[in-house]
Amino acid sequence: MFVSHTRESSSAKPKGGVQKGVLVTGGAGFIGSHMIITLVEKFPQWQIINLDKLDSCSSLKNLSSVDQRPNYKFIQGDICNPYLINTLFERENIDIVFHFAAQTHVDHSFRWPAEFKRVNVDGTRVLLKAACEAGVEKFIYASTDEVYGESIDKECDEFCPRQPSNPYAASKAAAESIVLSYWKKYKLPVIVTRSNNVYGPHQYLEKVIPKFISLLLLNKKCPIQGSGLQSRHFLHTDDAIEAFLTVMEKGVPGEIYNMGSNFELSIIQLARELIKMMKSTSAEEDFNNWLDFVEDRPHNDLRYPMNSDKLQGLGWKPCVTWPEGIRKTVEWYRAHPNHWSVIEGSTQL
């Protein structure tokens, strides 16, 4: 079923200026919603289309600041539905695609790998086929640093082999291969991006930073998988959106771009920093009172260091410092305690 929520006719675009149609899949999710808000505000003459299935990790509340704008349209639907996707590309004048829609919870991927293949691989294939037939001018695929697999000592650049070590990362690596094959065979102007862990406002509570924040707000402990010594590089959503805009404007078709931060933190140290911020404590025994060590996932990579020189060569670099970014993130969750329902269970790193 093709469900559209808009005040405009299905093929309408704002009048005046250079007009483009931009499709953002997963636009009610975390990064997708920030991307849409930026595009709607930055390019009022463009038509921005949000395609989202509205799973538990998505919410139209993320888009309340733009949902009445004339250059924004929401369509509820599944990227795995060929009829819906083909109809969408037939009805809309789509020039650029940002493909964010995906299953992303690593722990869940060990339990339901077939669903991750269906959404992340088959859904991407359906979208690529329709985009190719429509002749879009750019197709930007959002992937992850996890496709590189664990790297202890070496920074991975775009030439490093993909060695995914969990079903989620494997599904993203497979989808990347399909995306790049459309460039090789059809010259569909695709670009693949691989980002570190992105954080900031709107993020669903299954991810490690919002989960720790939400639990601490409820005076509950932070669950630490295994030793907690696994470390991650964290990139603020503002920097991530600037990276995607840079790729949209300057990225070369057929290329891969790492979107990485130099800031790295172990999960247990992340928990300690948040406890210190939110509970105003620095005593060792007080930290331990807020930590709950739980069973680790079947495999948990220690770290994913990336080299982002290629993207920085296009003029992008991270600008939001960790102290500024995490402070603003905590403030947002304090101010919006009912944006998401509190969840229990494992934590996505």
Protein backbone atom coordinates (compact mmCIF):
# COMPACT_ATOMS: atom_id res chain seq x y z
CA MET A 1 0.00 0.00 0.00
CA PHE A 2 1.26 3.46 -0.92
CA VAL A 3 0.50 5.79 1.99
CA SER A 4 1.43 9.44 1.55
CA HIS A 5 1.02 12.17 4.17
CA THR A 6 1.41 15.56 2.52
CA ARG A 7 -0.46 18.73 1.72
CA GLU A 8 0.99 18.74 -1.80
CA SER A 9 -0.05 16.68 -4.81
CA SER A 10 2.08 13.55 -5.32
CA SER A 11 4.30 15.05 -8.03
CA ALA A 12 4.41 18.64 -6.81
CA LYS A 13 7.65 20.51 -6.14
CA PRO A 14 8.10 23.98 -4.71
CA LYS A 15 8.20 26.69 -7.36
CA GLY A 16 11.24 28.87 -7.96
CA GLY A 17 14.94 28.20 -7.84
CA VAL A 18 16.75 25.00 -8.72
CA GLN A 19 14.37 22.15 -7.96
CA LYS A 20 15.46 18.69 -6.92
CA GLY A 21 13.64 15.74 -5.44
CA VAL A 22 15.45 13.97 -2.58
CA LEU A 23 14.35 10.63 -1.16
CA VAL A 24 15.51 9.77 2.35
CA THR A 25 14.80 6.20 3.42
CA GLY A 26 14.51 5.62 7.15
CA GLY A 27 13.84 9.32 7.50
CA ALA A 28 11.94 9.01 10.78
CA GLY A 29 14.93 7.35 12.42
CA PHE A 30 17.92 8.97 14.08
CA ILE A 31 20.33 10.05 11.34
CA GLY A 32 17.60 10.13 8.70
CA SER A 33 15.49 12.63 10.64
CA HIS A 34 18.47 14.95 11.16
CA MET A 35 19.25 14.66 7.45
CA ILE A 36 15.69 15.57 6.48
CA ILE A 37 15.51 18.56 8.85
CA THR A 38 18.75 19.91 7.42
CA LEU A 39 17.69 19.39 3.79
CA VAL A 40 14.24 20.93 4.33
CA GLU A 41 15.73 24.02 5.97
CA LYS A 42 18.80 24.37 3.75
CA PHE A 43 17.08 23.77 0.42
CA PRO A 44 13.52 25.19 0.60
CA GLN A 45 13.19 24.90 -3.18
CA TRP A 46 13.77 21.13 -3.08
CA GLN A 47 11.14 18.47 -2.41
CA ILE A 48 12.27 16.21 0.46
CA ILE A 49 10.52 12.84 0.68
CA ASN A 50 10.68 10.70 3.80
CA LEU A 51 10.08 6.97 3.30
CA ASP A 52 9.87 5.08 6.59
CA LYS A 53 8.17 1.91 7.78
CA LEU A 54 7.83 3.37 11.31
CA ASP A 55 9.37 0.50 13.25
CA SER A 56 10.01 0.90 16.97
CA CYS A 57 13.26 2.84 16.42
CA SER A 58 11.53 5.47 14.26
CA SER A 59 9.19 8.28 15.25
CA LEU A 60 7.52 11.13 13.42
CA LYS A 61 8.11 13.17 16.58
CA ASN A 62 11.70 13.43 15.33
CA LEU A 63 10.38 15.58 12.47
CA SER A 64 7.90 17.82 14.30
CA SER A 65 9.95 20.92 13.42
CA VAL A 66 9.41 20.42 9.66
CA ASP A 67 6.29 18.30 9.27
CA GLN A 68 4.21 21.26 8.08
CA ARG A 69 6.77 22.59 5.60
CA PRO A 70 5.54 22.63 1.98
CA ASN A 71 8.75 21.00 0.71
CA TYR A 72 8.46 17.99 3.03
CA LYS A 73 6.46 14.82 2.41
CA PHE A 74 6.13 11.62 4.44
CA ILE A 75 5.33 8.25 2.90
CA GLN A 76 4.89 5.23 5.14
CA GLY A 77 6.20 2.04 3.59
CA ASP A 78 8.72 -0.77 3.45
CA ILE A 79 11.78 -0.63 1.17
CA CYS A 80 11.38 -4.38 0.62
CA ASN A 81 8.05 -3.84 -1.19
CA PRO A 82 8.86 -3.65 -4.93
CA TYR A 83 5.41 -2.36 -5.88
CA LEU A 84 5.60 0.51 -3.42
CA ILE A 85 9.16 1.42 -4.38
CA ASN A 86 8.49 1.27 -8.12
CA THR A 87 5.33 3.35 -7.70
CA LEU A 88 7.22 5.88 -5.60
CA PHE A 89 9.87 6.41 -8.28
CA GLU A 90 7.21 6.59 -11.00
CA ARG A 91 5.17 9.24 -9.18
CA GLU A 92 7.96 11.39 -7.77
CA ASN A 93 10.76 13.23 -9.53
CA ILE A 94 13.61 11.85 -7.47
CA ASP A 95 17.12 13.10 -8.23
CA ILE A 96 19.03 12.08 -5.09
CA VAL A 97 18.63 9.12 -2.74
CA PHE A 98 19.96 8.90 0.82
CA HIS A 99 19.52 5.29 1.89
CA PHE A 100 19.52 5.05 5.71
CA ALA A 101 16.76 2.47 6.28
CA ALA A 102 18.22 -0.64 7.88
CA GLN A 103 18.11 -3.10 10.73
CA THR A 104 21.09 -2.08 12.90
CA HIS A 105 20.97 -3.77 16.31
CA VAL A 106 23.96 -6.13 16.45
CA ASP A 107 22.60 -8.32 19.25
CA HIS A 108 19.34 -8.79 17.35
CA SER A 109 21.27 -9.75 14.21
CA PHE A 110 22.62 -12.85 15.97
CA ARG A 111 19.05 -13.87 16.82
CA TRP A 112 17.32 -12.99 13.53
CA PRO A 113 19.94 -12.92 10.75
CA ALA A 114 17.35 -13.64 8.04
CA GLU A 115 15.48 -10.43 8.86
CA PHE A 116 18.71 -8.44 8.60
CA LYS A 117 19.38 -9.97 5.20
CA ARG A 118 15.81 -9.22 4.07
CA VAL A 119 15.89 -5.55 5.04
CA ASN A 120 19.54 -4.62 4.59
CA VAL A 121 20.36 -6.66 1.50
CA ASP A 122 17.10 -7.38 -0.34
CA GLY A 123 15.61 -3.98 0.50
CA THR A 124 18.69 -2.23 -0.85
CA ARG A 125 18.50 -4.28 -4.05
CA VAL A 126 14.83 -3.30 -4.57
CA LEU A 127 15.69 0.36 -4.06
CA LEU A 128 18.72 0.24 -6.37
CA LYS A 129 16.76 -1.33 -9.21
CA ALA A 130 14.07 1.34 -9.05
CA ALA A 131 16.63 4.16 -8.73
CA CYS A 132 18.57 2.84 -11.70
CA GLU A 133 15.47 2.64 -13.89
CA ALA A 134 14.53 6.18 -12.82
CA GLY A 135 17.99 7.50 -13.70
CA VAL A 136 18.72 9.29 -10.41
CA GLU A 137 21.76 11.56 -10.36
CA LYS A 138 23.17 10.29 -7.05
CA PHE A 139 22.52 7.32 -4.72
CA ILE A 140 24.23 7.61 -1.31
CA TYR A 141 24.36 4.46 0.79
CA ALA A 142 24.96 4.74 4.54
CA SER A 143 27.08 1.85 5.75
CA THR A 144 29.15 1.27 8.88
CA ASP A 145 32.72 0.97 10.14
CA GLU A 146 31.80 -2.54 11.29
CA VAL A 147 32.22 -3.92 7.77
CA TYR A 148 35.99 -3.73 8.34
CA GLY A 149 35.79 -6.08 11.29
CA GLU A 150 38.02 -5.80 14.32
CA SER A 151 41.24 -3.83 13.94
CA ILE A 152 43.53 -3.51 16.94
CA ASP A 153 46.53 -1.54 15.70
CA LYS A 154 45.78 -0.32 12.18
CA GLU A 155 43.47 2.44 10.97
CA CYS A 156 41.29 1.15 8.16
CA ASP A 157 41.06 3.21 4.99
CA GLU A 158 38.71 2.64 2.09
CA PHE A 159 41.08 0.13 0.48
CA CYS A 160 41.10 -2.23 3.47
CA PRO A 161 39.23 -5.52 2.96
CA ARG A 162 35.79 -6.05 4.44
CA GLN A 163 35.91 -8.64 7.22
CA PRO A 164 32.57 -8.41 9.06
CA SER A 165 32.28 -10.45 12.23
CA ASN A 166 28.56 -10.31 13.01
CA PRO A 167 25.37 -10.79 10.93
CA TYR A 168 24.56 -7.06 10.95
CA ALA A 169 27.96 -6.07 9.58
CA ALA A 170 27.83 -8.94 7.08
CA SER A 171 24.47 -7.73 5.77
CA LYS A 172 25.83 -4.19 5.35
CA ALA A 173 28.94 -5.49 3.57
CA ALA A 174 26.75 -7.55 1.21
CA ALA A 175 24.56 -4.53 0.52
CA GLU A 176 27.67 -2.45 -0.23
CA SER A 177 28.71 -5.01 -2.85
CA ILE A 178 25.34 -4.76 -4.55
CA VAL A 179 25.44 -0.96 -4.44
CA LEU A 180 28.89 -0.83 -6.03
CA SER A 181 27.91 -3.42 -8.65
CA TYR A 182 25.29 -0.99 -9.95
CA TRP A 183 28.09 1.49 -10.63
CA LYS A 184 30.22 -1.10 -12.40
CA LYS A 185 27.45 -2.56 -14.53
CA TYR A 186 24.98 0.32 -15.04
CA LYS A 187 27.03 3.41 -14.09
CA LEU A 188 24.38 4.30 -11.53
CA PRO A 189 26.17 7.13 -9.64
CA VAL A 190 26.38 5.46 -6.25
CA ILE A 191 28.50 6.47 -3.25
CA VAL A 192 29.12 4.34 -0.16
CA THR A 193 29.79 5.97 3.22
CA ARG A 194 31.10 4.19 6.32
CA SER A 195 30.67 5.99 9.62
CA ASN A 196 31.73 5.53 13.22
CA ASN A 197 29.12 5.40 15.98
CA VAL A 198 26.95 8.49 15.52
CA TYR A 199 25.27 10.00 18.61
CA GLY A 200 23.07 12.95 19.48
CA PRO A 201 19.41 13.95 20.02
CA HIS A 202 16.54 11.74 18.75
CA GLN A 203 18.52 8.48 18.91
CA TYR A 204 16.51 5.42 19.91
CA LEU A 205 17.24 4.01 23.36
CA GLU A 206 18.68 0.68 22.18
CA LYS A 207 21.96 2.43 21.30
CA VAL A 208 24.56 2.68 24.00
CA ILE A 209 24.67 6.45 24.69
CA PRO A 210 20.90 7.12 24.86
CA LYS A 211 20.37 3.87 26.74
CA PHE A 212 22.88 4.76 29.44
CA ILE A 213 21.48 8.29 29.69
CA SER A 214 17.87 7.13 29.93
CA LEU A 215 18.67 4.49 32.56
CA LEU A 216 20.63 6.97 34.68
CA LEU A 217 17.74 9.42 34.47
CA LEU A 218 15.60 6.64 35.99
CA ASN A 219 18.27 5.94 38.64
CA LYS A 220 19.06 2.57 37.06
CA LYS A 221 22.44 0.99 36.36
CA CYS A 222 24.32 0.98 33.05
CA PRO A 223 24.60 -2.57 31.64
CA ILE A 224 28.19 -3.34 30.61
CA GLN A 225 28.64 -6.23 28.19
CA GLY A 226 31.61 -8.43 29.11
CA SER A 227 34.61 -6.44 30.35
CA GLY A 228 33.44 -3.12 28.91
CA LEU A 229 36.90 -2.60 27.43
CA GLN A 230 35.54 -2.58 23.89
CA SER A 231 36.10 0.90 22.52
CA ARG A 232 34.27 2.90 19.89
CA HIS A 233 34.86 6.12 17.99
CA PHE A 234 31.96 8.53 18.46
CA LEU A 235 30.84 11.10 15.87
CA HIS A 236 28.24 13.76 16.68
CA THR A 237 25.20 13.83 14.43
CA ASP A 238 25.92 17.43 13.34
CA ASP A 239 29.28 16.29 11.96
CA ALA A 240 27.70 13.25 10.34
CA ILE A 241 25.11 15.37 8.54
CA GLU A 242 27.83 17.73 7.29
CA ALA A 243 29.69 14.68 6.01
CA PHE A 244 26.65 13.49 4.07
CA LEU A 245 26.13 16.96 2.60
CA THR A 246 29.79 17.04 1.55
CA VAL A 247 29.42 13.66 -0.15
CA MET A 248 26.21 14.82 -1.86
CA GLU A 249 27.87 17.96 -3.21
CA LYS A 250 31.45 16.81 -3.87
CA GLY A 251 31.54 13.01 -3.67
CA VAL A 252 32.74 11.05 -6.70
CA PRO A 253 30.41 8.32 -8.03
CA GLY A 254 31.64 4.79 -7.46
CA GLU A 255 33.74 5.81 -4.45
CA ILE A 256 33.70 4.88 -0.76
CA TYR A 257 34.19 7.49 1.97
CA ASN A 258 34.99 6.88 5.64
CA MET A 259 33.22 9.29 8.01
CA GLY A 260 35.33 8.97 11.13
CA SER A 261 36.14 10.72 14.36
CA ASN A 262 39.44 10.74 16.22
CA PHE A 263 37.62 10.52 19.55
CA GLU A 264 37.69 6.99 21.00
CA LEU A 265 36.29 5.80 24.31
CA SER A 266 35.84 2.40 25.94
CA ILE A 267 32.29 1.48 26.86
CA ILE A 268 33.07 1.30 30.56
CA GLN A 269 34.75 4.72 30.41
CA LEU A 270 31.71 6.08 28.56
CA ALA A 271 29.51 4.84 31.39
CA ARG A 272 31.82 6.42 33.97
CA GLU A 273 31.76 9.78 32.18
CA LEU A 274 27.97 9.79 32.02
CA ILE A 275 27.71 8.76 35.67
CA LYS A 276 30.04 11.59 36.63
CA MET A 277 28.01 14.09 34.57
CA MET A 278 24.58 12.97 35.66
CA LYS A 279 25.17 11.79 39.23
CA SER A 280 27.80 14.36 40.24
CA THR A 281 30.14 11.76 41.63
CA SER A 282 33.81 10.94 41.24
CA ALA A 283 34.28 8.33 43.98
CA GLU A 284 35.24 4.86 42.73
CA GLU A 285 32.68 3.07 44.87
CA ASP A 286 29.95 5.37 43.57
CA PHE A 287 30.85 4.53 39.96
CA ASN A 288 30.61 0.82 40.72
CA ASN A 289 27.16 1.27 42.21
CA TRP A 290 25.91 2.42 38.78
CA LEU A 291 27.48 -0.39 36.72
CA ASP A 292 25.89 -3.75 35.98
CA PHE A 293 28.17 -6.26 34.24
CA VAL A 294 26.16 -8.56 31.95
CA GLU A 295 26.91 -11.42 29.58
CA ASP A 296 28.72 -10.39 26.41
CA ARG A 297 27.33 -10.97 22.91
CA PRO A 298 28.61 -14.03 20.95
CA HIS A 299 31.36 -11.90 19.41
CA ASN A 300 32.22 -8.31 20.29
CA ASP A 301 34.90 -6.52 18.27
CA LEU A 302 37.31 -4.52 20.39
CA ARG A 303 37.60 -1.47 18.14
CA TYR A 304 37.06 -0.04 14.62
CA PRO A 305 39.63 2.71 13.96
CA MET A 306 39.19 4.43 10.58
CA ASN A 307 41.17 6.83 8.44
CA SER A 308 38.97 9.61 7.00
CA ASP A 309 41.60 11.51 5.02
CA LYS A 310 39.75 10.88 1.76
CA LEU A 311 36.59 12.66 2.93
CA GLN A 312 38.60 15.38 4.63
CA GLY A 313 40.21 15.97 1.25
CA LEU A 314 36.78 17.16 0.10
CA GLY A 315 36.77 19.79 2.85
CA TRP A 316 34.98 17.97 5.68
CA LYS A 317 36.25 17.48 9.21
CA PRO A 318 34.58 16.82 12.57
CA CYS A 319 33.96 20.06 14.45
CA VAL A 320 31.84 19.11 17.48
CA THR A 321 34.05 18.26 20.44
CA TRP A 322 33.14 15.35 22.70
CA PRO A 323 32.50 17.53 25.79
CA GLU A 324 30.19 19.81 23.80
CA GLY A 325 28.43 17.00 21.96
CA ILE A 326 27.77 14.77 24.97
CA ARG A 327 26.66 17.74 27.08
CA LYS A 328 24.08 18.78 24.49
CA THR A 329 22.96 15.18 24.08
CA VAL A 330 22.39 14.69 27.81
CA GLU A 331 20.54 18.02 27.96
CA TRP A 332 18.22 16.92 25.14
CA TYR A 333 17.29 13.64 26.86
CA ARG A 334 16.73 15.47 30.14
CA ALA A 335 14.36 17.86 28.35
CA HIS A 336 12.53 15.09 26.44
CA PRO A 337 12.05 12.23 28.92
CA ASN A 338 8.95 10.90 27.16
CA HIS A 339 10.22 11.05 23.57
CA TRP A 340 10.94 7.31 23.67
CA SER A 341 9.64 4.60 25.98
CA VAL A 342 12.33 3.14 28.22
CA ILE A 343 13.54 -0.24 26.99
CA GLU A 344 15.26 -3.08 28.76
CA GLY A 345 17.64 -5.65 27.31
CA SER A 346 20.99 -5.67 25.61
CA THR A 347 22.90 -2.59 24.54
CA GLN A 348 24.01 -1.87 21.00
CA LEU A 349 27.62 -0.67 20.78
